[in-house]
Protein backbone atom coordinates (compact mmCIF):
# COMPACT_ATOMS: atom_id res chain seq x y z
CA MET A 1 113.28 88.46 88.57
CA ASN A 2 110.37 86.93 86.86
CA SER A 3 107.59 89.39 85.73
CA TYR A 4 103.95 88.39 85.28
CA LEU A 5 100.81 90.27 84.27
CA ILE A 6 97.08 89.27 84.91
CA LEU A 7 95.16 91.13 82.39
CA VAL A 8 91.44 91.19 83.36
CA ALA A 9 89.15 91.65 80.32
CA GLY A 10 85.73 90.69 81.28
CA GLY A 11 83.71 93.63 80.05
CA LYS A 12 80.44 93.11 78.29
CA GLY A 13 80.28 96.44 76.70
CA LEU A 14 76.88 97.23 78.04
CA ARG A 15 77.83 101.04 78.51
CA MET A 16 79.40 101.30 75.16
CA GLY A 17 75.92 100.85 73.54
CA GLY A 18 76.87 97.93 71.15
CA ASP A 19 76.99 94.25 70.98
CA ILE A 20 80.80 93.99 70.86
CA PRO A 21 82.53 93.87 74.30
CA LYS A 22 84.34 97.05 74.91
CA GLN A 23 87.83 95.41 75.01
CA PHE A 24 87.41 94.21 71.37
CA LEU A 25 86.44 97.71 69.95
CA PRO A 26 88.99 99.09 67.59
CA ILE A 27 91.16 102.21 68.21
CA GLU A 28 93.88 103.25 65.81
CA GLY A 29 93.23 100.22 63.71
CA LYS A 30 93.44 97.45 66.44
CA PRO A 31 91.20 96.22 69.25
CA ILE A 32 91.69 98.00 72.56
CA LEU A 33 92.89 94.65 74.20
CA MET A 34 95.77 94.44 71.69
CA HIS A 35 96.87 97.84 72.51
CA THR A 36 97.04 97.10 76.25
CA ILE A 37 99.03 93.86 75.64
CA GLU A 38 101.51 95.67 73.35
CA ALA A 39 102.03 98.44 76.07
CA PHE A 40 103.18 95.83 78.64
CA ARG A 41 105.36 93.86 76.06
CA LYS A 42 107.08 97.15 75.21
CA ALA A 43 107.64 98.26 78.84
CA ILE A 44 109.04 95.00 80.30
CA LYS A 45 111.19 92.60 78.45
CA ASP A 46 110.03 88.92 78.64
CA ILE A 47 106.92 89.73 80.65
CA SER A 48 104.60 86.59 80.97
CA ILE A 49 100.86 87.49 80.48
CA VAL A 50 97.78 85.68 81.67
CA LEU A 51 94.66 86.92 79.79
CA VAL A 52 91.43 86.55 81.71
CA LEU A 53 88.50 86.29 79.47
CA PRO A 54 84.79 85.18 79.74
CA VAL A 55 84.55 81.59 78.18
CA LEU A 56 82.00 82.75 75.48
CA GLN A 57 84.52 85.42 74.36
CA GLN A 58 87.59 83.28 73.86
CA ASP A 59 86.91 81.95 70.40
CA TYR A 60 86.11 85.53 69.22
CA TRP A 61 89.42 86.60 70.74
CA HIS A 62 91.38 83.92 68.81
CA LYS A 63 89.66 84.90 65.62
CA LEU A 64 90.59 88.51 66.12
CA CYS A 65 94.24 87.41 66.63
CA LYS A 66 94.29 85.56 63.28
CA GLU A 67 92.70 88.50 61.57
CA TYR A 68 95.27 90.94 62.91
CA ASP A 69 98.11 88.53 62.88
CA PHE A 70 98.57 89.19 66.64
CA HIS A 71 100.39 86.83 69.19
CA SER A 72 98.00 86.12 71.87
CA PRO A 73 99.16 85.37 75.45
CA GLU A 74 99.69 81.68 75.85
CA LEU A 75 97.93 81.42 79.10
CA ILE A 76 94.12 82.34 79.08
CA ALA A 77 91.98 81.97 82.25
CA ASN A 78 88.23 81.87 82.42
CA GLY A 79 86.41 85.09 83.76
CA GLY A 80 84.76 84.51 87.06
CA GLU A 81 81.48 85.79 88.74
CA THR A 82 83.22 88.87 89.97
CA ARG A 83 86.68 90.71 89.33
CA PHE A 84 88.04 89.02 92.52
CA HIS A 85 87.13 85.48 91.08
CA SER A 86 88.57 86.57 87.68
CA VAL A 87 92.00 87.50 89.22
CA LYS A 88 91.89 84.47 91.33
CA ASN A 89 91.56 82.17 88.19
CA GLY A 90 94.41 84.07 86.62
CA LEU A 91 96.68 83.69 89.67
CA SER A 92 95.90 79.85 89.57
CA LEU A 93 97.88 79.49 86.37
CA LEU A 94 101.00 81.03 87.70
CA PRO A 95 103.72 79.00 89.41
CA GLU A 96 104.80 79.20 93.03
CA VAL A 97 107.86 81.19 92.43
CA ALA A 98 109.59 83.06 95.27
CA ASP A 99 111.44 85.68 93.13
CA ALA A 100 108.62 87.00 91.08
CA VAL A 101 106.39 90.10 90.69
CA VAL A 102 102.84 90.12 89.32
CA GLY A 103 100.71 92.96 88.10
CA VAL A 104 96.97 93.15 87.58
CA HIS A 105 95.65 95.40 84.90
CA ASP A 106 92.38 96.28 83.32
CA GLY A 107 92.26 95.29 79.65
CA VAL A 108 90.39 98.45 78.82
CA ARG A 109 93.32 100.72 80.00
CA PRO A 110 95.30 100.81 76.83
CA PHE A 111 97.05 104.20 77.43
CA VAL A 112 99.07 103.14 80.33
CA SER A 113 102.63 104.62 80.01
CA ALA A 114 105.78 102.55 79.94
CA GLY A 115 106.90 104.77 82.77
CA THR A 116 103.84 103.94 84.97
CA ILE A 117 104.37 100.11 84.35
CA GLN A 118 108.10 100.31 84.97
CA ARG A 119 107.61 102.21 88.27
CA CYS A 120 104.98 99.84 89.58
CA TYR A 121 107.09 96.72 88.80
CA ALA A 122 110.37 98.23 90.15
CA ALA A 123 108.61 99.05 93.51
CA ALA A 124 107.01 95.62 93.79
CA ALA A 125 110.42 94.00 93.09
CA GLU A 126 111.47 95.60 96.35
CA GLY A 127 108.72 93.83 98.26
CA LYS A 128 106.07 96.57 98.01
CA ALA A 129 102.34 96.25 97.29
CA VAL A 130 101.96 99.00 94.82
CA VAL A 131 99.20 101.16 93.24
CA PRO A 132 99.72 103.94 90.57
CA VAL A 133 97.68 107.10 91.38
CA VAL A 134 97.01 110.53 90.04
CA PRO A 135 95.96 113.71 92.01
CA VAL A 136 92.34 114.72 92.06
CA VAL A 137 91.90 117.92 90.04
CA GLU A 138 88.15 118.47 90.37
CA THR A 139 86.24 119.50 93.48
CA ILE A 140 84.67 116.58 95.18
CA ARG A 141 81.71 116.55 97.56
CA GLN A 142 80.80 113.76 100.22
CA ILE A 143 77.23 112.56 100.50
CA LEU A 144 76.25 112.67 104.19
CA PRO A 145 73.82 110.24 105.84
CA ASP A 146 71.19 112.83 106.10
CA GLY A 147 71.26 113.36 102.25
CA LYS A 148 73.24 116.55 102.45
CA SER A 149 76.75 117.05 100.98
CA MET A 150 79.95 118.80 101.85
CA THR A 151 83.02 119.64 99.99
CA ARG A 152 86.03 117.60 100.85
CA PRO A 153 89.77 118.59 100.50
CA ARG A 154 90.79 116.99 97.09
CA ASP A 155 94.45 117.17 98.18
CA GLU A 156 93.79 114.36 100.61
CA TYR A 157 92.65 112.08 97.98
CA ARG A 158 94.10 110.29 94.86
CA LEU A 159 92.52 108.35 92.05
CA VAL A 160 93.71 104.81 91.81
CA GLN A 161 94.76 103.16 88.51
CA THR A 162 96.21 99.89 87.38
CA PRO A 163 98.51 98.01 87.10
CA GLN A 164 98.52 97.32 90.80
CA THR A 165 101.74 95.23 91.38
CA PHE A 166 102.75 92.89 94.08
CA PRO A 167 105.19 90.11 95.02
CA LEU A 168 103.67 87.09 93.57
CA ALA A 169 103.73 85.09 96.74
CA LEU A 170 102.05 87.99 98.53
CA LEU A 171 99.17 88.22 96.05
CA LYS A 172 98.60 84.50 96.01
CA GLU A 173 98.31 84.55 99.75
CA ALA A 174 95.91 87.35 99.67
CA TYR A 175 93.58 85.69 97.35
CA ARG A 176 93.34 82.67 99.50
CA GLN A 177 91.01 84.85 101.65
CA PRO A 178 87.10 84.44 101.27
CA TYR A 179 85.55 86.85 98.97
CA SER A 180 84.21 90.07 100.42
CA GLU A 181 82.09 92.77 98.84
CA ALA A 182 84.73 95.24 100.17
CA PHE A 183 87.33 93.95 97.81
CA THR A 184 87.05 96.78 95.09
CA ASP A 185 90.46 96.06 93.66
CA ASP A 186 93.65 94.09 94.34
CA ALA A 187 95.09 96.45 96.90
CA SER A 188 91.92 96.20 98.95
CA VAL A 189 92.39 92.39 99.00
CA VAL A 190 96.00 92.74 100.17
CA GLU A 191 95.03 95.49 102.57
CA ALA A 192 92.71 93.06 104.29
CA MET A 193 95.79 91.27 105.52
CA ASP A 194 97.06 94.56 107.25
CA LYS A 195 99.54 95.20 104.47
CA GLU A 196 100.70 98.64 103.54
CA ILE A 197 99.98 99.99 100.18
CA LEU A 198 102.63 102.11 98.49
CA MET A 199 101.45 104.76 96.04
CA VAL A 200 103.47 105.57 93.03
CA GLU A 201 102.99 108.19 90.20
CA GLY A 202 100.57 107.12 87.47
CA ASN A 203 99.82 108.84 84.18
CA ARG A 204 96.73 111.05 83.56
CA GLU A 205 96.05 109.30 80.16
CA ASN A 206 95.67 105.90 81.81
CA ILE A 207 91.94 105.85 81.77
CA LYS A 208 89.56 103.07 82.00
CA ILE A 209 87.47 103.06 78.83
CA THR A 210 83.83 102.67 79.76
CA THR A 211 81.78 104.90 77.39
CA GLN A 212 81.94 106.02 73.70
CA SER A 213 83.17 109.40 74.73
CA ASP A 214 86.50 107.87 76.16
CA LEU A 215 87.23 106.62 72.66
CA ARG A 216 87.51 110.23 71.49
CA ARG A 217 90.99 111.29 72.12
């Protein structure tokens, strides 16, 4: 079965407090984005990756690849106005293959484990729409319409991660829908077609890097 990945890396780094987009910041001697790509290349043999980058960042990415002697994914799609449009641009570069699985992953989640990746792709290969999740360990409170709040039972909730994985044909069909602000991730786009979402075990370290403190591991 063909395995594809759409790697969305459109961050501008505004919350990192610097001029360099966060996906290009170095950790352990290499840009974050390179660590993320390597995680998938190690987890799944012969995976084909589409990297989605803003047009104005693509030259800088190629410069980094030369500097670090890093093999960039051959397919690069232009970032869109929203994450929805970015993923849609990435999907447009993939062939209409019936027997294929595609994952969508945040470029700034470099600590995703091989186990998480393999679980997600294996379940999608069985025709499922899949999201990796981890339990909520902190107390959560709901903000009510009157401005008050109340504690909610945390065992009824899960934190959603990426990669979110799907049969390729299913995700292509889902992204033919008109854009909605209710589409917060790929699962929500597929869910809009009344498709069930399967949760599989993620890994706690698979955080999305958004602030400087996230780099201090």
